[in-house]
Protein backbone atom coordinates (compact mmCIF):
# COMPACT_ATOMS: atom_id res chain seq x y z
CA MET A 1 -15.51 2.22 -56.64
CA LYS A 2 -16.66 2.89 -53.07
CA ASN A 3 -15.16 -0.42 -51.93
CA LEU A 4 -11.88 0.43 -53.69
CA ALA A 5 -11.80 3.84 -52.00
CA THR A 6 -12.26 2.19 -48.60
CA LYS A 7 -9.59 -0.35 -49.43
CA PHE A 8 -7.19 2.44 -50.39
CA GLU A 9 -7.80 4.27 -47.12
CA ASN A 10 -7.05 1.08 -45.16
CA LEU A 11 -3.80 0.20 -46.95
CA THR A 12 -0.76 -0.46 -44.74
CA ILE A 13 2.96 -1.03 -45.32
CA GLN A 14 2.16 -4.73 -45.84
CA ASN A 15 0.47 -3.92 -49.13
CA ASP A 16 2.80 -4.25 -52.15
CA PHE A 17 1.57 -1.03 -53.70
CA ILE A 18 2.17 1.06 -50.58
CA PHE A 19 5.44 -0.73 -49.78
CA LYS A 20 6.84 0.13 -53.20
CA LYS A 21 5.72 3.74 -52.90
CA VAL A 22 7.28 4.15 -49.44
CA MET A 23 10.54 2.48 -50.42
CA SER A 24 10.71 4.74 -53.45
CA ARG A 25 11.69 7.47 -50.99
CA LYS A 26 15.48 7.36 -50.92
CA ARG A 27 15.94 8.38 -47.31
CA ILE A 28 13.66 5.57 -46.10
CA CYS A 29 15.05 2.86 -48.37
CA ILE A 30 18.68 3.80 -47.63
CA HIS A 31 18.09 3.84 -43.88
CA LEU A 32 16.39 0.43 -43.95
CA LEU A 33 19.30 -1.10 -45.88
CA GLU A 34 21.91 0.59 -43.67
CA GLU A 35 20.26 -0.60 -40.47
CA LEU A 36 19.68 -4.10 -41.75
CA LEU A 37 23.17 -4.70 -43.16
CA GLN A 38 25.04 -2.37 -40.80
CA ILE A 39 26.74 -0.56 -43.68
CA LYS A 40 26.97 3.03 -44.88
CA ILE A 41 25.28 3.92 -48.17
CA THR A 42 25.91 7.32 -49.70
CA ASP A 43 23.26 7.08 -52.42
CA ILE A 44 21.05 4.65 -54.33
CA ASN A 45 19.63 4.55 -57.83
CA TYR A 46 16.26 3.08 -58.73
CA LEU A 47 17.13 0.96 -61.72
CA GLU A 48 15.66 1.36 -65.18
CA ALA A 49 16.23 -2.39 -65.41
CA GLU A 50 12.88 -2.78 -63.65
CA LYS A 51 11.17 -2.21 -66.99
CA SER A 52 12.70 -5.30 -68.56
CA LEU A 53 11.51 -7.37 -65.60
CA GLU A 54 7.96 -6.10 -66.03
CA PRO A 55 7.35 -5.06 -62.42
CA GLU A 56 5.15 -2.13 -63.39
CA TYR A 57 1.70 -2.30 -61.89
CA THR A 58 0.12 -1.79 -65.29
CA SER A 59 1.92 -4.69 -66.98
CA ARG A 60 1.70 -8.44 -66.88
CA GLY A 61 4.43 -10.70 -65.60
CA ILE A 62 6.47 -10.80 -62.42
CA ARG A 63 6.30 -7.68 -60.30
CA LEU A 64 9.44 -7.02 -58.32
CA ASP A 65 8.79 -4.46 -55.58
CA ILE A 66 12.03 -2.49 -55.32
CA ILE A 67 15.35 -2.82 -57.19
CA VAL A 68 18.14 -0.40 -56.34
CA ALA A 69 21.91 -0.11 -56.71
CA ASP A 70 24.07 1.75 -54.19
CA ASP A 71 27.17 3.87 -54.70
CA ARG A 72 29.36 0.73 -54.64
CA ASN A 73 27.24 -0.93 -57.36
CA THR A 74 25.74 -3.46 -54.98
CA HIS A 75 22.24 -4.36 -56.16
CA TYR A 76 19.28 -4.92 -53.83
CA ASN A 77 15.84 -6.40 -54.42
CA LEU A 78 13.39 -5.69 -51.58
CA GLU A 79 10.13 -7.63 -51.38
CA MET A 80 7.21 -7.65 -48.95
CA GLN A 81 5.77 -11.16 -48.34
CA VAL A 82 2.48 -11.37 -46.48
CA LYS A 83 1.36 -14.90 -47.39
CA ASN A 84 3.34 -18.12 -47.00
CA ASN A 85 1.88 -19.63 -50.16
CA LYS A 86 2.00 -23.26 -51.26
CA ASN A 87 1.85 -24.71 -54.75
CA PRO A 88 -1.59 -26.39 -54.86
CA ASP A 89 -0.21 -29.22 -56.99
CA THR A 90 3.00 -30.06 -55.11
CA LYS A 91 1.81 -28.81 -51.67
CA LYS A 92 5.25 -27.27 -51.22
CA HIS A 93 5.91 -23.72 -50.04
CA VAL A 94 6.97 -21.47 -52.91
CA LEU A 95 9.17 -19.00 -51.00
CA PRO A 96 12.55 -20.79 -51.37
CA LYS A 97 12.25 -21.23 -55.14
CA ARG A 98 10.83 -17.73 -55.43
CA THR A 99 14.01 -16.25 -53.94
CA ARG A 100 16.04 -18.32 -56.41
CA TYR A 101 13.93 -17.06 -59.31
CA TYR A 102 14.27 -13.43 -58.27
CA GLN A 103 18.04 -13.82 -58.00
CA ALA A 104 18.06 -15.23 -61.53
CA LEU A 105 16.02 -12.28 -62.79
CA LEU A 106 18.53 -9.83 -61.38
CA ASP A 107 21.52 -11.66 -62.86
CA ILE A 108 19.93 -12.14 -66.28
CA ASP A 109 19.07 -8.47 -66.52
CA LEU A 110 22.63 -7.47 -65.64
CA LEU A 111 24.01 -9.83 -68.28
CA GLN A 112 21.58 -8.46 -70.84
CA ASN A 113 23.20 -5.09 -70.29
CA SER A 114 26.33 -6.50 -72.01
CA GLN A 115 28.15 -7.16 -68.75
CA GLU A 116 30.56 -10.11 -68.48
CA TYR A 117 29.41 -12.64 -65.92
CA ASP A 118 32.64 -12.37 -63.91
CA LEU A 119 31.85 -8.67 -63.43
CA LEU A 120 28.40 -9.29 -61.95
CA PRO A 121 28.02 -7.01 -58.91
CA PRO A 122 27.12 -8.17 -55.39
CA THR A 123 23.39 -8.77 -55.01
CA TYR A 124 20.98 -9.02 -52.11
CA VAL A 125 17.50 -10.50 -52.44
CA ILE A 126 15.65 -9.45 -49.30
CA PHE A 127 12.21 -10.79 -48.41
CA ILE A 128 10.36 -9.07 -45.57
CA CYS A 129 8.04 -11.79 -44.27
CA VAL A 130 5.26 -11.30 -41.74
CA PHE A 131 5.57 -15.00 -40.85
CA ASP A 132 8.41 -17.20 -39.59
CA PHE A 133 9.07 -19.46 -42.58
CA PHE A 134 11.67 -21.58 -40.77
CA ALA A 135 9.92 -21.55 -37.37
CA LYS A 136 13.21 -20.90 -35.55
CA GLY A 137 12.31 -17.53 -34.05
CA ASN A 138 15.17 -15.63 -35.71
CA TYR A 139 14.71 -11.99 -36.62
CA VAL A 140 16.88 -12.57 -39.70
CA TYR A 141 17.87 -15.60 -41.80
CA THR A 142 20.86 -14.94 -44.08
CA PHE A 143 21.87 -17.40 -46.78
CA LYS A 144 25.05 -17.79 -48.80
CA LYS A 145 26.43 -20.80 -50.66
CA ARG A 146 28.78 -22.99 -48.62
CA CYS A 147 30.69 -26.20 -49.27
CA LEU A 148 29.02 -29.22 -47.62
CA GLU A 149 32.41 -30.86 -47.10
CA ASP A 150 33.79 -27.74 -45.40
CA LEU A 151 31.13 -25.39 -44.06
CA GLU A 152 33.70 -22.66 -43.47
CA LEU A 153 34.34 -22.57 -47.22
CA GLU A 154 32.02 -20.03 -48.87
CA LEU A 155 31.44 -19.75 -52.61
CA PRO A 156 32.40 -16.12 -53.37
CA ASP A 157 29.64 -15.47 -55.90
CA GLU A 158 28.56 -12.38 -53.90
CA ALA A 159 24.89 -13.41 -54.01
CA THR A 160 23.05 -13.16 -50.70
CA THR A 161 19.47 -14.04 -49.82
CA ILE A 162 17.98 -12.61 -46.64
CA ILE A 163 14.65 -13.66 -45.15
CA LEU A 164 13.42 -11.17 -42.56
CA ASN A 165 10.99 -12.49 -39.98
CA THR A 166 8.92 -9.67 -38.48
CA GLN A 167 7.51 -12.19 -35.96
CA GLY A 168 11.00 -13.06 -34.69
CA THR A 169 11.99 -13.09 -31.03
CA HIS A 170 15.78 -13.37 -31.01
CA GLY A 171 18.93 -12.39 -32.84
CA ASN A 172 20.89 -9.19 -33.36
CA ILE A 173 19.02 -6.36 -35.07
CA SER A 174 19.15 -2.61 -34.59
CA LYS A 175 16.51 -0.67 -32.69
CA ASP A 176 15.22 0.83 -35.93
CA ILE A 177 14.81 -2.58 -37.57
CA LYS A 178 12.94 -3.81 -34.48
CA SER A 179 10.72 -0.73 -34.62
CA PHE A 180 10.18 -1.38 -38.34
CA TYR A 181 9.06 -4.92 -37.50
CA ASP A 182 6.63 -3.57 -34.88
CA TYR A 183 5.23 -1.14 -37.43
CA VAL A 184 4.81 -3.83 -40.10
CA ASN A 185 3.12 -6.18 -37.64
CA ASN A 186 0.89 -3.88 -35.62
CA HIS A 187 1.23 -0.34 -36.99
CA VAL A 188 3.08 0.66 -33.82
CA ILE A 189 5.03 3.92 -34.15
CA ASN A 190 7.87 3.87 -31.63
CA SER A 191 10.80 5.51 -33.44
CA ASP A 192 11.60 8.44 -35.68
CA PHE A 193 12.11 5.96 -38.52
CA THR A 194 8.62 4.48 -38.29
CA LYS A 195 7.20 7.98 -37.83
CA GLN A 196 8.77 8.91 -41.19
CA ILE A 197 7.23 5.84 -42.80
CA ASP A 198 3.80 6.50 -41.33
CA ASP A 199 3.91 10.16 -42.40
CA GLU A 200 4.86 9.09 -45.91
CA ILE A 201 1.88 6.74 -46.09
CA SER A 202 -0.40 9.51 -44.89
CA TYR A 203 0.93 11.83 -47.61
CA LEU A 204 0.45 9.11 -50.23
CA LYS A 205 -3.17 8.64 -49.26
CA LEU A 206 -3.81 12.35 -49.77
CA ASP A 207 -2.30 12.28 -53.27
CA THR A 208 -5.06 11.98 -55.88
CA LYS A 209 -2.59 10.66 -58.47
CA VAL A 210 -1.57 7.83 -56.16
CA ARG A 211 -5.22 7.06 -55.44
CA ARG A 212 -5.96 6.95 -59.19
CA GLU A 213 -2.97 4.71 -59.83
CA PHE A 214 -4.16 2.29 -57.16
CA MET A 215 -7.67 2.25 -58.62
CA LEU A 216 -6.29 1.47 -62.08
CA LEU A 217 -4.10 -1.28 -60.66
CA GLU A 218 -7.00 -2.91 -58.84
CA ALA A 219 -9.22 -2.67 -61.92
CA ARG A 220 -6.50 -4.26 -64.06
CA LEU A 221 -5.92 -7.09 -61.59
CA LEU A 222 -9.67 -7.68 -61.35
CA ASP A 223 -9.89 -7.91 -65.14
CA GLU A 224 -6.99 -10.37 -65.21
CA ARG A 225 -8.64 -12.56 -62.56
CA ARG A 226 -11.92 -12.51 -64.46
CA GLU A 227 -10.14 -13.40 -67.70
CA GLY A 228 -8.35 -16.24 -65.94
CA LYS A 229 -11.59 -17.62 -64.51
CA ALA A 230 -13.32 -17.33 -67.88
CA GLU A 231 -10.47 -19.15 -69.63
CA GLY A 232 -10.60 -21.82 -66.94
CA ARG A 233 -14.33 -22.33 -67.49
CA ILE A 234 -13.84 -22.57 -71.25
CA GLU A 235 -11.00 -25.07 -70.87
CA GLY A 236 -13.04 -27.06 -68.38
CA LYS A 237 -16.00 -27.27 -70.75
CA ALA A 238 -13.74 -28.34 -73.63
CA GLU A 239 -12.23 -31.11 -71.51
CA GLU A 240 -15.68 -32.31 -70.50
CA LYS A 241 -16.86 -32.35 -74.12
CA ASN A 242 -13.76 -34.26 -75.20
CA ALA A 243 -14.26 -36.81 -72.43
CA ILE A 244 -17.91 -37.37 -73.38
CA ALA A 245 -17.05 -37.66 -77.08
CA THR A 246 -14.30 -40.19 -76.30
CA LEU A 247 -16.73 -42.32 -74.29
CA MET A 248 -19.28 -42.23 -77.12
CA LEU A 249 -16.60 -43.22 -79.63
CA ALA A 250 -15.56 -46.11 -77.40
CA LYS A 251 -19.11 -47.45 -77.30
CA GLY A 252 -19.10 -47.62 -81.10
CA CYS A 253 -22.84 -47.09 -81.47
CA TYR A 254 -22.88 -43.38 -82.28
CA SER A 255 -22.16 -41.74 -85.59
CA LEU A 256 -19.78 -38.79 -85.82
CA GLN A 257 -22.74 -36.56 -86.64
CA GLU A 258 -24.65 -37.70 -83.53
CA ILE A 259 -21.61 -37.11 -81.31
CA SER A 260 -21.17 -33.66 -82.85
CA GLU A 261 -24.81 -32.73 -82.23
CA LEU A 262 -24.68 -33.90 -78.60
CA THR A 263 -21.28 -32.42 -77.65
CA LYS A 264 -21.25 -29.39 -80.00
CA LEU A 265 -17.76 -30.46 -81.12
CA SER A 266 -16.87 -30.22 -84.80
CA ILE A 267 -16.58 -33.36 -86.93
CA GLU A 268 -12.88 -32.56 -87.40
CA ASP A 269 -12.31 -32.44 -83.62
CA ILE A 270 -14.12 -35.73 -83.12
CA GLU A 271 -12.09 -37.39 -85.87
CA LYS A 272 -8.94 -36.17 -84.18
CA LEU A 273 -10.09 -37.67 -80.88
CA GLU A 274 -10.84 -40.94 -82.67
CA LYS A 275 -7.32 -41.07 -84.14
CA GLU A 276 -5.76 -40.32 -80.74
CA MET A 277 -7.88 -43.03 -79.14
CA HIS A 278 -6.82 -45.65 -81.74
CA ALA A 279 -3.18 -44.60 -81.41
CA THR A 280 -3.38 -45.13 -77.66
CA GLU A 281 -4.94 -48.55 -78.11
CA GLN A 282 -2.16 -49.60 -80.49
CA SER A 283 0.70 -48.35 -78.30
C-alpha cells in the first residue's frame, strides 16, 4: 500500500487514470479540442455509451479514455499513448490497427443505439503520443481516406484519425497546444491552460475518493496480471505433459497406466492424444 501511495503522488498527465480525470473537466477538454481543431465548441457531453465499451477502470475489456460529443453531435475519442508497443508475435507496431479498432468501437456503439449508418455523426479518434510514431517531426498527423487514383478526392465518411506527437518540432499548432505538449513531456507550466491542468491534478491528489479509486484500480490490475501469469503457467505445464506423453506413446514401450503415472495425465487424456497422433500419421 505504501508503494501505491507513492505511485499515486507521482502520477502525471501521462498516466491514463489522471488523464481521464483531468479531461473529465469540461472546460479543459473543450479548450483542448478547440485549440487542436481550431473550432468553437459550446458544450460537450460525456457519453453513457462508454459503459457498453467497458472502459470503466473496474471492468475488464478495452478501456477508452475519453468519449465526448459536442453541441453539433461530433464525437471525439481522446487517448493518451505513452508506449509505442509492438505485437511480440508479428513484431509490428500496434498503434495503426489500434486506431482502426477504436474507430470501429465508436461506430458500432452508435449503430447499436438504433441509428441508421448513413446518419453516423462525424468522429475524431485522437491519440496523444509522447513519441513520434512516423519519425517525421510533425506536431500533428491527420488522416482521412483518399482515393489513390486521385489524391484530391476524399471519401466523405466524416471519420478522422489524429496522431499528436508531443515530441514534434514543426507544423502549425496553437500556443496552448504547444504548451500542452511541453507539460506532457516535461511538466513545464508556461500558460494559463497548463496551469489549469496542473491545478486540477493537484486537487485530484488531495481527494481521498480519487486516491481510493486509484488504489482499487491498481489492485484489480495486479490481480488480473497474477491470474494471467497463473493461467500461463498452468497452460505451459499442460503442454509439457502432453508433449512428454506423446513422445512416450511414439516409443511404444509404455503402457497407458505408466504414462499416466509419470505425466499425471488421465487415461482419457492420453487416449485422446493417441487418437490424435494416429490421425496425424494417417493424414
